[in-house]
Amino acid sequence: MATATNAKTTSTKAAEVKKPTTEAPLTEKATSAAHEAVDALSGKAAAAESSVRKGASSSAQTLSEKQLIAQQKLGEYSSKTRALAAENPLATAGIAFAAGMLFTALLRRK
């Protein structure tokens, strides 16, 4: 009887040992597929990040250029306005008075 029990135990152990080995290829395939998917996603994410960084850099450079142009135009128009005010002080005072009256009239209506 002891021999029959040992034979059953041995065959059960052999079945348990065989069972993980039959699942191992499936696990390996799943692991390999997951690694490949992560690697592909990583490559796409790196390309997207690079594209976003280039776009942000380009936008920052364009914004800086536009800001410089705006500052130059502001200086230009400011100097032209000062020159016009210096040449025509009476007209400048009349425009300022009219603007003040219009502003006051708009504030009183509300």
C-alpha atoms as a PDB file:
ATOM      1  CA  MET A   1       0.000   0.000   0.000  1.00  0.00           C
ATOM      2  CA  ALA A   2       2.750   2.335   0.742  1.00  0.00           C
ATOM      3  CA  THR A   3       4.050   1.828  -2.767  1.00  0.00           C
ATOM      4  CA  ALA A   4       0.675   2.745  -4.299  1.00  0.00           C
ATOM      5  CA  THR A   5       0.475   5.875  -2.149  1.00  0.00           C
ATOM      6  CA  ASN A   6       4.027   6.847  -3.125  1.00  0.00           C
ATOM      7  CA  ALA A   7       3.198   6.272  -6.789  1.00  0.00           C
ATOM      8  CA  LYS A   8       0.134   8.545  -6.537  1.00  0.00           C
ATOM      9  CA  THR A   9       2.140  11.216  -4.730  1.00  0.00           C
ATOM     10  CA  THR A  10       4.883  11.006  -7.329  1.00  0.00           C
ATOM     11  CA  SER A  11       2.448  11.240 -10.237  1.00  0.00           C
ATOM     12  CA  THR A  12       0.636  14.170  -8.540  1.00  0.00           C
ATOM     13  CA  LYS A  13       3.943  15.957  -8.030  1.00  0.00           C
ATOM     14  CA  ALA A  14       4.892  15.278 -11.627  1.00  0.00           C
ATOM     15  CA  ALA A  15       1.562  16.751 -12.798  1.00  0.00           C
ATOM     16  CA  GLU A  16       2.118  19.828 -10.622  1.00  0.00           C
ATOM     17  CA  VAL A  17       5.597  20.283 -12.022  1.00  0.00           C
ATOM     18  CA  LYS A  18       4.365  19.864 -15.597  1.00  0.00           C
ATOM     19  CA  LYS A  19       1.516  22.309 -15.123  1.00  0.00           C
ATOM     20  CA  PRO A  20       3.722  25.407 -14.601  1.00  0.00           C
ATOM     21  CA  THR A  21       5.905  24.454 -17.539  1.00  0.00           C
ATOM     22  CA  THR A  22       2.871  24.376 -19.849  1.00  0.00           C
ATOM     23  CA  GLU A  23       1.811  27.824 -18.604  1.00  0.00           C
ATOM     24  CA  ALA A  24       5.286  29.285 -18.871  1.00  0.00           C
ATOM     25  CA  PRO A  25       5.232  29.686 -22.677  1.00  0.00           C
ATOM     26  CA  LEU A  26       1.930  31.545 -22.423  1.00  0.00           C
ATOM     27  CA  THR A  27       3.326  33.777 -19.699  1.00  0.00           C
ATOM     28  CA  GLU A  28       6.455  34.362 -21.743  1.00  0.00           C
ATOM     29  CA  LYS A  29       4.380  35.277 -24.794  1.00  0.00           C
ATOM     30  CA  ALA A  30       2.244  37.665 -22.775  1.00  0.00           C
ATOM     31  CA  THR A  31       5.307  39.228 -21.201  1.00  0.00           C
ATOM     32  CA  SER A  32       6.995  39.563 -24.565  1.00  0.00           C
ATOM     33  CA  ALA A  33       3.889  41.126 -26.117  1.00  0.00           C
ATOM     34  CA  ALA A  34       3.571  43.553 -23.220  1.00  0.00           C
ATOM     35  CA  HIS A  35       7.228  44.556 -23.536  1.00  0.00           C
ATOM     36  CA  GLU A  36       6.845  45.087 -27.282  1.00  0.00           C
ATOM     37  CA  ALA A  37       3.735  47.216 -26.735  1.00  0.00           C
ATOM     38  CA  VAL A  38       5.481  49.316 -24.097  1.00  0.00           C
ATOM     39  CA  ASP A  39       8.520  49.755 -26.354  1.00  0.00           C
ATOM     40  CA  ALA A  40       6.332  50.830 -29.294  1.00  0.00           C
ATOM     41  CA  LEU A  41       4.387  53.219 -27.084  1.00  0.00           C
ATOM     42  CA  SER A  42       7.615  54.572 -25.661  1.00  0.00           C
ATOM     43  CA  GLY A  43       8.898  55.349 -29.145  1.00  0.00           C
ATOM     44  CA  LYS A  44       5.676  57.108 -30.099  1.00  0.00           C
ATOM     45  CA  ALA A  45       5.635  59.058 -26.835  1.00  0.00           C
ATOM     46  CA  ALA A  46       9.217  60.181 -27.375  1.00  0.00           C
ATOM     47  CA  ALA A  47       8.377  61.377 -30.887  1.00  0.00           C
ATOM     48  CA  ALA A  48       5.302  63.226 -29.599  1.00  0.00           C
ATOM     49  CA  GLU A  49       7.294  64.834 -26.799  1.00  0.00           C
ATOM     50  CA  SER A  50       9.954  65.953 -29.252  1.00  0.00           C
ATOM     51  CA  SER A  51       7.311  67.439 -31.521  1.00  0.00           C
ATOM     52  CA  VAL A  52       5.655  69.311 -28.647  1.00  0.00           C
ATOM     53  CA  ARG A  53       9.013  70.637 -27.445  1.00  0.00           C
ATOM     54  CA  LYS A  54       9.898  71.879 -30.941  1.00  0.00           C
ATOM     55  CA  GLY A  55       6.490  73.533 -31.258  1.00  0.00           C
ATOM     56  CA  ALA A  56       6.805  75.211 -27.870  1.00  0.00           C
ATOM     57  CA  SER A  57      10.296  76.438 -28.685  1.00  0.00           C
ATOM     58  CA  SER A  58       9.136  77.787 -32.027  1.00  0.00           C
ATOM     59  CA  SER A  59       6.136  79.477 -30.422  1.00  0.00           C
ATOM     60  CA  ALA A  60       8.315  81.067 -27.747  1.00  0.00           C
ATOM     61  CA  GLN A  61      10.699  82.383 -30.379  1.00  0.00           C
ATOM     62  CA  THR A  62       7.849  83.757 -32.508  1.00  0.00           C
ATOM     63  CA  LEU A  63       6.242  85.379 -29.465  1.00  0.00           C
ATOM     64  CA  SER A  64       9.543  86.971 -28.502  1.00  0.00           C
ATOM     65  CA  GLU A  65       9.948  88.366 -32.027  1.00  0.00           C
ATOM     66  CA  LYS A  66       6.380  89.728 -32.053  1.00  0.00           C
ATOM     67  CA  GLN A  67       6.904  91.315 -28.640  1.00  0.00           C
ATOM     68  CA  LEU A  68      10.045  93.055 -29.874  1.00  0.00           C
ATOM     69  CA  ILE A  69       8.199  94.358 -32.953  1.00  0.00           C
ATOM     70  CA  ALA A  70       5.317  95.607 -30.776  1.00  0.00           C
ATOM     71  CA  GLN A  71       7.727  97.427 -28.466  1.00  0.00           C
ATOM     72  CA  GLN A  72       9.430  99.065 -31.444  1.00  0.00           C
ATOM     73  CA  LYS A  73       6.093 100.200 -32.912  1.00  0.00           C
ATOM     74  CA  LEU A  74       4.953 101.505 -29.536  1.00  0.00           C
ATOM     75  CA  GLY A  75       8.119 103.569 -29.252  1.00  0.00           C
ATOM     76  CA  GLU A  76       7.685 104.815 -32.811  1.00  0.00           C
ATOM     77  CA  TYR A  77       4.035 105.834 -32.329  1.00  0.00           C
ATOM     78  CA  SER A  78       4.785 107.352 -28.933  1.00  0.00           C
ATOM     79  CA  SER A  79       7.500 109.565 -30.411  1.00  0.00           C
ATOM     80  CA  LYS A  80       5.206 110.579 -33.301  1.00  0.00           C
ATOM     81  CA  THR A  81       2.444 111.488 -30.839  1.00  0.00           C
ATOM     82  CA  ARG A  82       4.846 113.582 -28.758  1.00  0.00           C
ATOM     83  CA  ALA A  83       6.083 115.363 -31.874  1.00  0.00           C
ATOM     84  CA  LEU A  84       2.492 116.095 -32.980  1.00  0.00           C
ATOM     85  CA  ALA A  85       1.596 117.387 -29.497  1.00  0.00           C
ATOM     86  CA  ALA A  86       4.687 119.604 -29.482  1.00  0.00           C
ATOM     87  CA  GLU A  87       3.857 121.026 -32.939  1.00  0.00           C
ATOM     88  CA  ASN A  88       0.156 121.644 -32.175  1.00  0.00           C
ATOM     89  CA  PRO A  89      -0.311 122.284 -28.448  1.00  0.00           C
ATOM     90  CA  LEU A  90      -3.695 123.974 -28.864  1.00  0.00           C
ATOM     91  CA  ALA A  91      -5.136 121.088 -30.903  1.00  0.00           C
ATOM     92  CA  THR A  92      -3.734 118.633 -28.346  1.00  0.00           C
ATOM     93  CA  ALA A  93      -5.464 120.509 -25.498  1.00  0.00           C
ATOM     94  CA  GLY A  94      -8.748 120.577 -27.474  1.00  0.00           C
ATOM     95  CA  ILE A  95      -8.581 116.812 -28.151  1.00  0.00           C
ATOM     96  CA  ALA A  96      -7.820 116.109 -24.499  1.00  0.00           C
ATOM     97  CA  PHE A  97     -10.738 118.325 -23.399  1.00  0.00           C
ATOM     98  CA  ALA A  98     -13.150 116.639 -25.844  1.00  0.00           C
ATOM     99  CA  ALA A  99     -12.018 113.188 -24.735  1.00  0.00           C
ATOM    100  CA  GLY A 100     -12.532 114.142 -21.093  1.00  0.00           C
ATOM    101  CA  MET A 101     -16.044 115.468 -21.802  1.00  0.00           C
ATOM    102  CA  LEU A 102     -16.978 112.304 -23.695  1.00  0.00           C
ATOM    103  CA  PHE A 103     -15.616 110.089 -20.915  1.00  0.00           C
ATOM    104  CA  THR A 104     -17.508 112.081 -18.261  1.00  0.00           C
ATOM    105  CA  ALA A 105     -20.737 111.908 -20.249  1.00  0.00           C
ATOM    106  CA  LEU A 106     -20.421 108.131 -20.597  1.00  0.00           C
ATOM    107  CA  LEU A 107     -19.785 107.690 -16.873  1.00  0.00           C
ATOM    108  CA  ARG A 108     -22.803 109.815 -15.884  1.00  0.00           C
ATOM    109  CA  ARG A 109     -25.208 107.749 -17.983  1.00  0.00           C
ATOM    110  CA  LYS A 110     -24.481 104.562 -16.069  1.00  0.00           C
END
